[in-house]
Amino acid sequence: MLSPSETKKSGYLTMQSYSSQGKLVRNGEKNKLVICIEGNIASGKTTCLEYFSKTSNIEVLTEPVSKWRNVRGHNPLGLMYQDPTRWGITLQTYIQLTMLDQHLSTISAPMRMMERSIYSAKYIFVENLYRSGKMPEVDFAVLSEWFEWITQNIAIPVDLIVYLQSSPQTCHERLKERCREEEKIIPLEYLEAIHQLYEDWLIKKTSFNVPAPVLVISADDDLQKMILQYEENREKILSGSNV
């Protein structure tokens, strides 16, 4: 068995020590900020990440959608949208794995900015599948057990959550303008459900634990106005502060 000071390696994790709470942590990255950009589908996360990617000391990680579309030749993302009851657990198990991989990968800059997080994967998208009756209770229980084990045993630090708060109607209009094949069948009702889950989690704070301070940015404006908002909030975001 490895001692706490030794390295534990697998295909996805490289852990080097334990925290005072007994969680596996990485060495040498305690001072690096992690910012998660959260929001509904088509709320403007890509625009936000592209804006901050021009800053030299920020590492930007987008959602690994290409992985979700191609797992050894299979497209679990597309399958989930076609038949969520059958394929929901398949996709969400893989999303949980790939998001954990992103959280734990070595940070190559003083700051990391991520598109969503392992937390929203569980609290928003898995929760929505379950509440809508499209995920069987046994599937939800298994995913919950995995998530709880991960968060109880592995340190997944987040310093700030930037919530791009946009109306479901705005997101629906933007979806019509995008060219992602899987998103063409997303109804307004789905976006409304995702919006409510985000509001309960990050605004009302009545549903699940919020792992970091939250900076709320209104995201219903057009591209140019959104860029102005990012410029206005730039100092707060880069300092990892919501005040």
C-alpha atoms as a PDB file:
ATOM      1  CA  MET A   1       0.000   0.000   0.000  1.00  0.00           C
ATOM      2  CA  LEU A   2       1.267   3.499  -0.822  1.00  0.00           C
ATOM      3  CA  SER A   3       2.092   5.871   2.007  1.00  0.00           C
ATOM      4  CA  PRO A   4       0.509   9.368   1.987  1.00  0.00           C
ATOM      5  CA  SER A   5       3.730  10.858   0.612  1.00  0.00           C
ATOM      6  CA  GLU A   6       3.963   8.421  -2.269  1.00  0.00           C
ATOM      7  CA  THR A   7       2.275   8.782  -5.621  1.00  0.00           C
ATOM      8  CA  LYS A   8      -0.869   6.901  -6.521  1.00  0.00           C
ATOM      9  CA  LYS A   9      -1.415   6.558 -10.249  1.00  0.00           C
ATOM     10  CA  SER A  10      -4.183   5.362 -12.537  1.00  0.00           C
ATOM     11  CA  GLY A  11      -5.273   6.164 -16.072  1.00  0.00           C
ATOM     12  CA  TYR A  12      -6.969   9.345 -14.880  1.00  0.00           C
ATOM     13  CA  LEU A  13      -5.563  10.310 -11.482  1.00  0.00           C
ATOM     14  CA  THR A  14      -2.135  11.109 -10.100  1.00  0.00           C
ATOM     15  CA  MET A  15      -2.461  11.852  -6.395  1.00  0.00           C
ATOM     16  CA  GLN A  16       0.434  12.741  -4.146  1.00  0.00           C
ATOM     17  CA  SER A  17      -0.786  13.395  -0.597  1.00  0.00           C
ATOM     18  CA  TYR A  18      -3.729  13.590   1.761  1.00  0.00           C
ATOM     19  CA  SER A  19      -5.369  16.685   3.219  1.00  0.00           C
ATOM     20  CA  SER A  20      -6.055  17.187   6.904  1.00  0.00           C
ATOM     21  CA  GLN A  21      -9.601  15.962   6.156  1.00  0.00           C
ATOM     22  CA  GLY A  22      -8.206  12.702   4.777  1.00  0.00           C
ATOM     23  CA  LYS A  23      -8.957  13.524   1.138  1.00  0.00           C
ATOM     24  CA  LEU A  24      -6.613  12.793  -1.726  1.00  0.00           C
ATOM     25  CA  VAL A  25      -5.093  16.055  -2.987  1.00  0.00           C
ATOM     26  CA  ARG A  26      -2.468  17.255  -5.435  1.00  0.00           C
ATOM     27  CA  ASN A  27       0.790  18.736  -4.218  1.00  0.00           C
ATOM     28  CA  GLY A  28       2.087  22.103  -5.400  1.00  0.00           C
ATOM     29  CA  GLU A  29      -1.165  23.587  -6.712  1.00  0.00           C
ATOM     30  CA  LYS A  30      -2.749  25.026  -3.582  1.00  0.00           C
ATOM     31  CA  ASN A  31      -2.219  28.622  -4.724  1.00  0.00           C
ATOM     32  CA  LYS A  32      -3.699  28.168  -8.186  1.00  0.00           C
ATOM     33  CA  LEU A  33      -7.218  29.527  -8.590  1.00  0.00           C
ATOM     34  CA  VAL A  34     -10.001  27.449 -10.133  1.00  0.00           C
ATOM     35  CA  ILE A  35     -12.976  29.313 -11.613  1.00  0.00           C
ATOM     36  CA  CYS A  36     -16.031  27.401 -12.887  1.00  0.00           C
ATOM     37  CA  ILE A  37     -18.309  29.030 -15.458  1.00  0.00           C
ATOM     38  CA  GLU A  38     -21.838  27.743 -14.893  1.00  0.00           C
ATOM     39  CA  GLY A  39     -25.100  28.306 -16.719  1.00  0.00           C
ATOM     40  CA  ASN A  40     -27.844  26.838 -18.846  1.00  0.00           C
ATOM     41  CA  ILE A  41     -27.303  25.444 -22.333  1.00  0.00           C
ATOM     42  CA  ALA A  42     -26.557  28.400 -24.663  1.00  0.00           C
ATOM     43  CA  SER A  43     -26.186  30.850 -21.771  1.00  0.00           C
ATOM     44  CA  GLY A  44     -22.921  32.182 -23.227  1.00  0.00           C
ATOM     45  CA  LYS A  45     -20.272  30.059 -21.527  1.00  0.00           C
ATOM     46  CA  THR A  46     -18.244  29.639 -24.719  1.00  0.00           C
ATOM     47  CA  THR A  47     -18.156  33.406 -25.290  1.00  0.00           C
ATOM     48  CA  CYS A  48     -17.011  33.953 -21.714  1.00  0.00           C
ATOM     49  CA  LEU A  49     -14.260  31.352 -21.990  1.00  0.00           C
ATOM     50  CA  GLU A  50     -13.069  32.726 -25.322  1.00  0.00           C
ATOM     51  CA  TYR A  51     -12.832  36.216 -23.827  1.00  0.00           C
ATOM     52  CA  PHE A  52     -10.706  35.086 -20.880  1.00  0.00           C
ATOM     53  CA  SER A  53      -8.621  32.671 -22.969  1.00  0.00           C
ATOM     54  CA  LYS A  54      -6.850  35.741 -24.369  1.00  0.00           C
ATOM     55  CA  THR A  55      -5.366  36.341 -20.908  1.00  0.00           C
ATOM     56  CA  SER A  56      -1.903  34.792 -20.802  1.00  0.00           C
ATOM     57  CA  ASN A  57      -2.004  33.476 -17.231  1.00  0.00           C
ATOM     58  CA  ILE A  58      -5.293  31.556 -17.564  1.00  0.00           C
ATOM     59  CA  GLU A  59      -5.742  27.942 -18.618  1.00  0.00           C
ATOM     60  CA  VAL A  60      -9.201  27.420 -20.145  1.00  0.00           C
ATOM     61  CA  LEU A  61     -10.875  24.009 -20.164  1.00  0.00           C
ATOM     62  CA  THR A  62     -14.069  23.614 -22.165  1.00  0.00           C
ATOM     63  CA  GLU A  63     -16.499  20.755 -21.566  1.00  0.00           C
ATOM     64  CA  PRO A  64     -15.058  17.624 -23.232  1.00  0.00           C
ATOM     65  CA  VAL A  65     -18.026  17.351 -25.598  1.00  0.00           C
ATOM     66  CA  SER A  66     -15.932  15.624 -28.272  1.00  0.00           C
ATOM     67  CA  LYS A  67     -15.321  12.774 -25.825  1.00  0.00           C
ATOM     68  CA  TRP A  68     -19.024  12.525 -25.021  1.00  0.00           C
ATOM     69  CA  ARG A  69     -19.765  12.250 -28.750  1.00  0.00           C
ATOM     70  CA  ASN A  70     -17.197   9.570 -29.461  1.00  0.00           C
ATOM     71  CA  VAL A  71     -16.422   6.798 -26.983  1.00  0.00           C
ATOM     72  CA  ARG A  72     -14.665   4.201 -29.099  1.00  0.00           C
ATOM     73  CA  GLY A  73     -16.977   4.990 -31.997  1.00  0.00           C
ATOM     74  CA  HIS A  74     -20.171   5.430 -29.970  1.00  0.00           C
ATOM     75  CA  ASN A  75     -22.040   8.714 -29.352  1.00  0.00           C
ATOM     76  CA  PRO A  76     -23.539   8.538 -25.833  1.00  0.00           C
ATOM     77  CA  LEU A  77     -24.474  12.236 -25.975  1.00  0.00           C
ATOM     78  CA  GLY A  78     -26.620  11.732 -29.041  1.00  0.00           C
ATOM     79  CA  LEU A  79     -28.070   8.497 -27.651  1.00  0.00           C
ATOM     80  CA  MET A  80     -29.031  10.212 -24.397  1.00  0.00           C
ATOM     81  CA  TYR A  81     -30.991  12.950 -26.181  1.00  0.00           C
ATOM     82  CA  GLN A  82     -32.796  10.279 -28.257  1.00  0.00           C
ATOM     83  CA  ASP A  83     -33.647   7.986 -25.330  1.00  0.00           C
ATOM     84  CA  PRO A  84     -32.681   9.463 -21.926  1.00  0.00           C
ATOM     85  CA  THR A  85     -34.271   6.655 -19.906  1.00  0.00           C
ATOM     86  CA  ARG A  86     -32.039   4.060 -21.571  1.00  0.00           C
ATOM     87  CA  TRP A  87     -28.857   6.055 -22.061  1.00  0.00           C
ATOM     88  CA  GLY A  88     -28.929   8.674 -19.290  1.00  0.00           C
ATOM     89  CA  ILE A  89     -26.795   6.698 -16.843  1.00  0.00           C
ATOM     90  CA  THR A  90     -24.365   5.741 -19.617  1.00  0.00           C
ATOM     91  CA  LEU A  91     -23.709   9.359 -20.557  1.00  0.00           C
ATOM     92  CA  GLN A  92     -23.755  10.754 -17.033  1.00  0.00           C
ATOM     93  CA  THR A  93     -21.336   8.117 -15.725  1.00  0.00           C
ATOM     94  CA  TYR A  94     -18.900   9.092 -18.450  1.00  0.00           C
ATOM     95  CA  ILE A  95     -19.467  12.815 -17.863  1.00  0.00           C
ATOM     96  CA  GLN A  96     -18.714  12.304 -14.175  1.00  0.00           C
ATOM     97  CA  LEU A  97     -15.469  10.544 -15.098  1.00  0.00           C
ATOM     98  CA  THR A  98     -14.334  13.103 -17.682  1.00  0.00           C
ATOM     99  CA  MET A  99     -15.188  16.087 -15.474  1.00  0.00           C
ATOM    100  CA  LEU A 100     -13.265  14.508 -12.585  1.00  0.00           C
ATOM    101  CA  ASP A 101     -10.357  14.040 -14.959  1.00  0.00           C
ATOM    102  CA  GLN A 102     -10.463  17.756 -15.824  1.00  0.00           C
ATOM    103  CA  HIS A 103     -10.658  18.836 -12.189  1.00  0.00           C
ATOM    104  CA  LEU A 104      -7.643  16.702 -11.295  1.00  0.00           C
ATOM    105  CA  SER A 105      -5.411  17.281 -14.305  1.00  0.00           C
ATOM    106  CA  THR A 106      -2.254  19.308 -13.714  1.00  0.00           C
ATOM    107  CA  ILE A 107      -2.892  23.057 -13.974  1.00  0.00           C
ATOM    108  CA  SER A 108      -0.517  24.613 -16.509  1.00  0.00           C
ATOM    109  CA  ALA A 109      -1.070  28.257 -15.490  1.00  0.00           C
ATOM    110  CA  PRO A 110      -1.637  30.281 -12.291  1.00  0.00           C
ATOM    111  CA  MET A 111      -5.398  30.090 -12.888  1.00  0.00           C
ATOM    112  CA  ARG A 112      -7.786  27.561 -14.416  1.00  0.00           C
ATOM    113  CA  MET A 113     -11.185  28.462 -15.866  1.00  0.00           C
ATOM    114  CA  MET A 114     -13.518  25.518 -16.455  1.00  0.00           C
ATOM    115  CA  GLU A 115     -16.770  25.182 -18.340  1.00  0.00           C
ATOM    116  CA  ARG A 116     -19.145  23.789 -15.722  1.00  0.00           C
ATOM    117  CA  SER A 117     -17.972  21.247 -13.122  1.00  0.00           C
ATOM    118  CA  ILE A 118     -18.504  17.821 -11.657  1.00  0.00           C
ATOM    119  CA  TYR A 119     -20.922  19.511  -9.235  1.00  0.00           C
ATOM    120  CA  SER A 120     -23.312  20.841 -11.882  1.00  0.00           C
ATOM    121  CA  ALA A 121     -23.100  17.538 -13.748  1.00  0.00           C
ATOM    122  CA  LYS A 122     -24.675  15.907 -10.684  1.00  0.00           C
ATOM    123  CA  TYR A 123     -26.763  18.699  -9.146  1.00  0.00           C
ATOM    124  CA  ILE A 124     -28.271  19.930 -12.426  1.00  0.00           C
ATOM    125  CA  PHE A 125     -28.240  17.366 -15.204  1.00  0.00           C
ATOM    126  CA  VAL A 126     -28.435  14.086 -13.301  1.00  0.00           C
ATOM    127  CA  GLU A 127     -30.980  15.635 -10.962  1.00  0.00           C
ATOM    128  CA  ASN A 128     -33.109  16.801 -13.890  1.00  0.00           C
ATOM    129  CA  LEU A 129     -33.115  13.359 -15.470  1.00  0.00           C
ATOM    130  CA  TYR A 130     -34.249  11.834 -12.191  1.00  0.00           C
ATOM    131  CA  ARG A 131     -36.899  14.445 -11.337  1.00  0.00           C
ATOM    132  CA  SER A 132     -38.381  14.285 -14.834  1.00  0.00           C
ATOM    133  CA  GLY A 133     -38.851  10.537 -14.504  1.00  0.00           C
ATOM    134  CA  LYS A 134     -36.343   9.791 -17.271  1.00  0.00           C
ATOM    135  CA  MET A 135     -33.757   8.153 -15.003  1.00  0.00           C
ATOM    136  CA  PRO A 136     -34.741   5.032 -13.050  1.00  0.00           C
ATOM    137  CA  GLU A 137     -34.267   5.272  -9.293  1.00  0.00           C
ATOM    138  CA  VAL A 138     -31.613   2.546  -9.292  1.00  0.00           C
ATOM    139  CA  ASP A 139     -29.540   4.444 -11.882  1.00  0.00           C
ATOM    140  CA  PHE A 140     -29.827   7.639  -9.841  1.00  0.00           C
ATOM    141  CA  ALA A 141     -28.795   5.779  -6.680  1.00  0.00           C
ATOM    142  CA  VAL A 142     -25.692   4.343  -8.343  1.00  0.00           C
ATOM    143  CA  LEU A 143     -24.599   7.725  -9.753  1.00  0.00           C
ATOM    144  CA  SER A 144     -25.225   9.343  -6.363  1.00  0.00           C
ATOM    145  CA  GLU A 145     -23.089   6.735  -4.598  1.00  0.00           C
ATOM    146  CA  TRP A 146     -20.236   7.372  -7.037  1.00  0.00           C
ATOM    147  CA  PHE A 147     -20.529  11.148  -6.680  1.00  0.00           C
ATOM    148  CA  GLU A 148     -20.601  11.002  -2.890  1.00  0.00           C
ATOM    149  CA  TRP A 149     -17.555   8.737  -2.782  1.00  0.00           C
ATOM    150  CA  ILE A 150     -15.635  11.058  -5.099  1.00  0.00           C
ATOM    151  CA  THR A 151     -16.443  14.246  -3.188  1.00  0.00           C
ATOM    152  CA  GLN A 152     -15.838  12.638   0.209  1.00  0.00           C
ATOM    153  CA  ASN A 153     -12.476  11.112  -0.711  1.00  0.00           C
ATOM    154  CA  ILE A 154     -10.947  13.457  -3.311  1.00  0.00           C
ATOM    155  CA  ALA A 155     -10.365  17.188  -2.868  1.00  0.00           C
ATOM    156  CA  ILE A 156     -11.939  19.069  -5.796  1.00  0.00           C
ATOM    157  CA  PRO A 157     -11.236  22.727  -5.025  1.00  0.00           C
ATOM    158  CA  VAL A 158     -13.257  25.498  -6.664  1.00  0.00           C
ATOM    159  CA  ASP A 159     -12.499  29.124  -5.720  1.00  0.00           C
ATOM    160  CA  LEU A 160     -15.293  30.919  -7.579  1.00  0.00           C
ATOM    161  CA  ILE A 161     -18.416  30.044  -9.542  1.00  0.00           C
ATOM    162  CA  VAL A 162     -19.414  32.524 -12.252  1.00  0.00           C
ATOM    163  CA  TYR A 163     -23.107  31.970 -12.937  1.00  0.00           C
ATOM    164  CA  LEU A 164     -24.246  33.248 -16.323  1.00  0.00           C
ATOM    165  CA  GLN A 165     -27.894  33.849 -15.515  1.00  0.00           C
ATOM    166  CA  SER A 166     -29.990  33.788 -18.666  1.00  0.00           C
ATOM    167  CA  SER A 167     -33.674  33.220 -19.316  1.00  0.00           C
ATOM    168  CA  PRO A 168     -34.760  29.891 -20.832  1.00  0.00           C
ATOM    169  CA  GLN A 169     -36.370  31.809 -23.691  1.00  0.00           C
ATOM    170  CA  THR A 170     -33.086  33.506 -24.594  1.00  0.00           C
ATOM    171  CA  CYS A 171     -31.246  30.181 -24.459  1.00  0.00           C
ATOM    172  CA  HIS A 172     -33.871  28.574 -26.675  1.00  0.00           C
ATOM    173  CA  GLU A 173     -33.495  31.288 -29.309  1.00  0.00           C
ATOM    174  CA  ARG A 174     -29.708  30.907 -29.253  1.00  0.00           C
ATOM    175  CA  LEU A 175     -30.005  27.145 -29.642  1.00  0.00           C
ATOM    176  CA  LYS A 176     -31.891  27.626 -32.878  1.00  0.00           C
ATOM    177  CA  GLU A 177     -28.902  29.559 -34.223  1.00  0.00           C
ATOM    178  CA  ARG A 178     -26.321  26.928 -33.263  1.00  0.00           C
ATOM    179  CA  CYS A 179     -25.347  23.931 -35.339  1.00  0.00           C
ATOM    180  CA  ARG A 180     -24.972  21.162 -32.755  1.00  0.00           C
ATOM    181  CA  GLU A 181     -26.925  18.215 -34.095  1.00  0.00           C
ATOM    182  CA  GLU A 182     -27.841  16.802 -30.669  1.00  0.00           C
ATOM    183  CA  GLU A 183     -29.342  20.110 -29.510  1.00  0.00           C
ATOM    184  CA  LYS A 184     -31.907  20.453 -32.306  1.00  0.00           C
ATOM    185  CA  ILE A 185     -34.464  18.411 -30.371  1.00  0.00           C
ATOM    186  CA  ILE A 186     -34.115  20.268 -27.036  1.00  0.00           C
ATOM    187  CA  PRO A 187     -37.500  21.807 -26.107  1.00  0.00           C
ATOM    188  CA  LEU A 188     -38.041  25.019 -24.170  1.00  0.00           C
ATOM    189  CA  GLU A 189     -39.429  22.977 -21.253  1.00  0.00           C
ATOM    190  CA  TYR A 190     -36.064  21.258 -20.811  1.00  0.00           C
ATOM    191  CA  LEU A 191     -34.255  24.595 -20.618  1.00  0.00           C
ATOM    192  CA  GLU A 192     -36.834  25.850 -18.109  1.00  0.00           C
ATOM    193  CA  ALA A 193     -36.196  22.843 -15.876  1.00  0.00           C
ATOM    194  CA  ILE A 194     -32.408  23.304 -16.068  1.00  0.00           C
ATOM    195  CA  HIS A 195     -32.820  27.019 -15.302  1.00  0.00           C
ATOM    196  CA  GLN A 196     -34.879  26.307 -12.172  1.00  0.00           C
ATOM    197  CA  LEU A 197     -32.334  23.807 -10.890  1.00  0.00           C
ATOM    198  CA  TYR A 198     -29.544  26.363 -11.355  1.00  0.00           C
ATOM    199  CA  GLU A 199     -31.596  29.050  -9.584  1.00  0.00           C
ATOM    200  CA  ASP A 200     -32.324  26.761  -6.629  1.00  0.00           C
ATOM    201  CA  TRP A 201     -28.667  25.764  -6.362  1.00  0.00           C
ATOM    202  CA  LEU A 202     -26.762  29.007  -6.938  1.00  0.00           C
ATOM    203  CA  ILE A 203     -29.259  31.808  -6.200  1.00  0.00           C
ATOM    204  CA  LYS A 204     -31.689  30.501  -3.571  1.00  0.00           C
ATOM    205  CA  LYS A 205     -29.121  27.963  -2.270  1.00  0.00           C
ATOM    206  CA  THR A 206     -31.930  25.660  -1.185  1.00  0.00           C
ATOM    207  CA  SER A 207     -31.107  22.428  -2.998  1.00  0.00           C
ATOM    208  CA  PHE A 208     -27.451  21.405  -2.743  1.00  0.00           C
ATOM    209  CA  ASN A 209     -24.167  22.509  -1.231  1.00  0.00           C
ATOM    210  CA  VAL A 210     -22.507  25.376  -3.096  1.00  0.00           C
ATOM    211  CA  PRO A 211     -18.754  24.613  -3.142  1.00  0.00           C
ATOM    212  CA  ALA A 212     -17.546  28.211  -3.701  1.00  0.00           C
ATOM    213  CA  PRO A 213     -18.658  31.867  -3.691  1.00  0.00           C
ATOM    214  CA  VAL A 214     -20.945  32.770  -6.597  1.00  0.00           C
ATOM    215  CA  LEU A 215     -20.610  35.771  -8.925  1.00  0.00           C
ATOM    216  CA  VAL A 216     -23.827  36.293 -10.903  1.00  0.00           C
ATOM    217  CA  ILE A 217     -23.651  37.900 -14.349  1.00  0.00           C
ATOM    218  CA  SER A 218     -26.815  38.624 -16.325  1.00  0.00           C
ATOM    219  CA  ALA A 219     -26.401  36.840 -19.656  1.00  0.00           C
ATOM    220  CA  ASP A 220     -29.425  37.795 -21.756  1.00  0.00           C
ATOM    221  CA  ASP A 221     -27.602  40.523 -23.720  1.00  0.00           C
ATOM    222  CA  ASP A 222     -26.024  40.275 -27.158  1.00  0.00           C
ATOM    223  CA  LEU A 223     -22.362  39.445 -27.741  1.00  0.00           C
ATOM    224  CA  GLN A 224     -20.952  42.974 -27.513  1.00  0.00           C
ATOM    225  CA  LYS A 225     -22.812  43.786 -24.298  1.00  0.00           C
ATOM    226  CA  MET A 226     -21.713  40.499 -22.772  1.00  0.00           C
ATOM    227  CA  ILE A 227     -18.070  41.282 -23.525  1.00  0.00           C
ATOM    228  CA  LEU A 228     -18.527  44.629 -21.780  1.00  0.00           C
ATOM    229  CA  GLN A 229     -19.887  42.786 -18.748  1.00  0.00           C
ATOM    230  CA  TYR A 230     -16.859  40.485 -18.699  1.00  0.00           C
ATOM    231  CA  GLU A 231     -14.598  43.518 -18.833  1.00  0.00           C
ATOM    232  CA  GLU A 232     -16.499  45.142 -15.965  1.00  0.00           C
ATOM    233  CA  ASN A 233     -16.244  41.985 -13.859  1.00  0.00           C
ATOM    234  CA  ARG A 234     -12.736  41.059 -14.968  1.00  0.00           C
ATOM    235  CA  GLU A 235     -10.975  42.065 -11.742  1.00  0.00           C
ATOM    236  CA  LYS A 236     -13.431  40.162  -9.556  1.00  0.00           C
ATOM    237  CA  ILE A 237     -13.151  37.038 -11.663  1.00  0.00           C
ATOM    238  CA  LEU A 238      -9.368  37.060 -11.904  1.00  0.00           C
ATOM    239  CA  SER A 239      -9.066  37.547  -8.156  1.00  0.00           C
ATOM    240  CA  GLY A 240     -11.505  34.719  -7.463  1.00  0.00           C
ATOM    241  CA  SER A 241     -13.868  37.042  -5.617  1.00  0.00           C
ATOM    242  CA  ASN A 242     -17.602  37.692  -5.818  1.00  0.00           C
ATOM    243  CA  VAL A 243     -17.401  41.074  -4.044  1.00  0.00           C
END
